[in-house]
Amino acid sequence: DLESGLKATFEWYKENEAWWRPRKAATEAKYAQLGR
């Protein structure tokens, strides 16, 4: 169901921050260079 799926997704992101955090930072830096 939706609730358990969202919970699992949030848990994955909390447990795998080392994977997504650098990618998020790179994306934000790219948008900052573009002035967005």
PDB file of N, CA and C in Angstrom:
ATOM      1  N   ASP A   1       0.832  -1.186   0.000  1.00  0.00           N
ATOM      2  CA  ASP A   1       0.000   0.000   0.000  1.00  0.00           C
ATOM      3  C   ASP A   1       0.879   1.252   0.000  1.00  0.00           C
ATOM      4  N   LEU A   2       0.263   2.390  -0.211  1.00  0.00           N
ATOM      5  CA  LEU A   2       0.993   3.646  -0.342  1.00  0.00           C
ATOM      6  C   LEU A   2       1.780   3.982   0.921  1.00  0.00           C
ATOM      7  N   GLU A   3       1.165   3.832   2.063  1.00  0.00           N
ATOM      8  CA  GLU A   3       1.828   4.200   3.310  1.00  0.00           C
ATOM      9  C   GLU A   3       3.109   3.398   3.539  1.00  0.00           C
ATOM     10  N   SER A   4       3.043   2.103   3.360  1.00  0.00           N
ATOM     11  CA  SER A   4       4.246   1.282   3.577  1.00  0.00           C
ATOM     12  C   SER A   4       5.285   1.542   2.488  1.00  0.00           C
ATOM     13  N   GLY A   5       4.836   1.831   1.279  1.00  0.00           N
ATOM     14  CA  GLY A   5       5.775   2.168   0.211  1.00  0.00           C
ATOM     15  C   GLY A   5       6.517   3.462   0.486  1.00  0.00           C
ATOM     16  N   LEU A   6       5.806   4.464   0.973  1.00  0.00           N
ATOM     17  CA  LEU A   6       6.453   5.729   1.314  1.00  0.00           C
ATOM     18  C   LEU A   6       7.416   5.555   2.478  1.00  0.00           C
ATOM     19  N   LYS A   7       7.003   4.784   3.466  1.00  0.00           N
ATOM     20  CA  LYS A   7       7.876   4.535   4.611  1.00  0.00           C
ATOM     21  C   LYS A   7       9.169   3.853   4.165  1.00  0.00           C
ATOM     22  N   ALA A   8       9.049   2.864   3.313  1.00  0.00           N
ATOM     23  CA  ALA A   8      10.234   2.158   2.821  1.00  0.00           C
ATOM     24  C   ALA A   8      11.134   3.102   2.020  1.00  0.00           C
ATOM     25  N   THR A   9      10.529   3.980   1.235  1.00  0.00           N
ATOM     26  CA  THR A   9      11.304   4.943   0.449  1.00  0.00           C
ATOM     27  C   THR A   9      12.061   5.900   1.364  1.00  0.00           C
ATOM     28  N   PHE A  10      11.388   6.439   2.381  1.00  0.00           N
ATOM     29  CA  PHE A  10      12.040   7.350   3.320  1.00  0.00           C
ATOM     30  C   PHE A  10      13.184   6.655   4.044  1.00  0.00           C
ATOM     31  N   GLU A  11      12.962   5.422   4.442  1.00  0.00           N
ATOM     32  CA  GLU A  11      14.004   4.670   5.132  1.00  0.00           C
ATOM     33  C   GLU A  11      15.210   4.464   4.219  1.00  0.00           C
ATOM     34  N   TRP A  12      14.959   4.153   2.947  1.00  0.00           N
ATOM     35  CA  TRP A  12      16.057   3.954   2.004  1.00  0.00           C
ATOM     36  C   TRP A  12      16.887   5.219   1.894  1.00  0.00           C
ATOM     37  N   TYR A  13      16.230   6.359   1.755  1.00  0.00           N
ATOM     38  CA  TYR A  13      16.957   7.618   1.633  1.00  0.00           C
ATOM     39  C   TYR A  13      17.749   7.936   2.900  1.00  0.00           C
ATOM     40  N   LYS A  14      17.192   7.650   4.060  1.00  0.00           N
ATOM     41  CA  LYS A  14      17.922   7.891   5.306  1.00  0.00           C
ATOM     42  C   LYS A  14      19.137   6.974   5.412  1.00  0.00           C
ATOM     43  N   GLU A  15      19.003   5.742   4.963  1.00  0.00           N
ATOM     44  CA  GLU A  15      20.084   4.758   5.068  1.00  0.00           C
ATOM     45  C   GLU A  15      21.137   4.908   3.971  1.00  0.00           C
ATOM     46  N   ASN A  16      20.828   5.624   2.907  1.00  0.00           N
ATOM     47  CA  ASN A  16      21.728   5.733   1.755  1.00  0.00           C
ATOM     48  C   ASN A  16      22.082   7.174   1.419  1.00  0.00           C
ATOM     49  N   GLU A  17      22.169   7.997   2.434  1.00  0.00           N
ATOM     50  CA  GLU A  17      22.466   9.416   2.211  1.00  0.00           C
ATOM     51  C   GLU A  17      23.805   9.615   1.505  1.00  0.00           C
ATOM     52  N   ALA A  18      24.775   8.761   1.798  1.00  0.00           N
ATOM     53  CA  ALA A  18      26.090   8.879   1.156  1.00  0.00           C
ATOM     54  C   ALA A  18      26.000   8.704  -0.359  1.00  0.00           C
ATOM     55  N   TRP A  19      24.981   8.038  -0.829  1.00  0.00           N
ATOM     56  CA  TRP A  19      24.797   7.848  -2.264  1.00  0.00           C
ATOM     57  C   TRP A  19      24.148   9.067  -2.904  1.00  0.00           C
ATOM     58  N   TRP A  20      23.069   9.582  -2.289  1.00  0.00           N
ATOM     59  CA  TRP A  20      22.313  10.641  -2.957  1.00  0.00           C
ATOM     60  C   TRP A  20      22.759  12.052  -2.620  1.00  0.00           C
ATOM     61  N   ARG A  21      23.364  12.262  -1.456  1.00  0.00           N
ATOM     62  CA  ARG A  21      23.723  13.630  -1.047  1.00  0.00           C
ATOM     63  C   ARG A  21      24.678  14.309  -2.032  1.00  0.00           C
ATOM     64  N   PRO A  22      25.776  13.646  -2.470  1.00  0.00           N
ATOM     65  CA  PRO A  22      26.682  14.306  -3.433  1.00  0.00           C
ATOM     66  C   PRO A  22      26.003  14.611  -4.771  1.00  0.00           C
ATOM     67  N   ARG A  23      25.119  13.754  -5.203  1.00  0.00           N
ATOM     68  CA  ARG A  23      24.407  13.989  -6.459  1.00  0.00           C
ATOM     69  C   ARG A  23      23.476  15.193  -6.338  1.00  0.00           C
ATOM     70  N   LYS A  24      22.818  15.297  -5.208  1.00  0.00           N
ATOM     71  CA  LYS A  24      21.933  16.442  -4.961  1.00  0.00           C
ATOM     72  C   LYS A  24      22.740  17.739  -4.949  1.00  0.00           C
ATOM     73  N   ALA A  25      23.880  17.727  -4.275  1.00  0.00           N
ATOM     74  CA  ALA A  25      24.730  18.912  -4.198  1.00  0.00           C
ATOM     75  C   ALA A  25      25.215  19.318  -5.587  1.00  0.00           C
ATOM     76  N   ALA A  26      25.599  18.346  -6.400  1.00  0.00           N
ATOM     77  CA  ALA A  26      26.070  18.642  -7.754  1.00  0.00           C
ATOM     78  C   ALA A  26      24.950  19.241  -8.603  1.00  0.00           C
ATOM     79  N   THR A  27      23.765  18.705  -8.472  1.00  0.00           N
ATOM     80  CA  THR A  27      22.631  19.221  -9.228  1.00  0.00           C
ATOM     81  C   THR A  27      22.302  20.648  -8.801  1.00  0.00           C
ATOM     82  N   GLU A  28      22.310  20.903  -7.505  1.00  0.00           N
ATOM     83  CA  GLU A  28      22.022  22.252  -7.015  1.00  0.00           C
ATOM     84  C   GLU A  28      23.090  23.241  -7.465  1.00  0.00           C
ATOM     85  N   ALA A  29      24.354  22.819  -7.483  1.00  0.00           N
ATOM     86  CA  ALA A  29      25.431  23.690  -7.945  1.00  0.00           C
ATOM     87  C   ALA A  29      25.257  24.027  -9.426  1.00  0.00           C
ATOM     88  N   LYS A  30      24.856  23.044 -10.194  1.00  0.00           N
ATOM     89  CA  LYS A  30      24.633  23.273 -11.632  1.00  0.00           C
ATOM     90  C   LYS A  30      23.530  24.298 -11.846  1.00  0.00           C
ATOM     91  N   TYR A  31      22.414  24.164 -11.114  1.00  0.00           N
ATOM     92  CA  TYR A  31      21.327  25.118 -11.240  1.00  0.00           C
ATOM     93  C   TYR A  31      21.742  26.510 -10.755  1.00  0.00           C
ATOM     94  N   ALA A  32      22.583  26.569  -9.733  1.00  0.00           N
ATOM     95  CA  ALA A  32      23.061  27.861  -9.235  1.00  0.00           C
ATOM     96  C   ALA A  32      23.900  28.567 -10.288  1.00  0.00           C
ATOM     97  N   GLN A  33      24.724  27.810 -11.020  1.00  0.00           N
ATOM     98  CA  GLN A  33      25.524  28.393 -12.096  1.00  0.00           C
ATOM     99  C   GLN A  33      24.646  28.946 -13.205  1.00  0.00           C
ATOM    100  N   LEU A  34      23.515  28.299 -13.415  1.00  0.00           N
ATOM    101  CA  LEU A  34      22.589  28.744 -14.457  1.00  0.00           C
ATOM    102  C   LEU A  34      21.702  29.888 -13.982  1.00  0.00           C
ATOM    103  N   GLY A  35      21.800  30.217 -12.703  1.00  0.00           N
ATOM    104  CA  GLY A  35      20.997  31.296 -12.153  1.00  0.00           C
ATOM    105  C   GLY A  35      19.555  30.898 -11.903  1.00  0.00           C
ATOM    106  N   ARG A  36      19.344  29.646 -11.600  1.00  0.00           N
ATOM    107  CA  ARG A  36      17.980  29.178 -11.362  1.00  0.00           C
ATOM    108  C   ARG A  36      17.757  28.802  -9.938  1.00  0.00           C
TER     109      ARG A  36
END
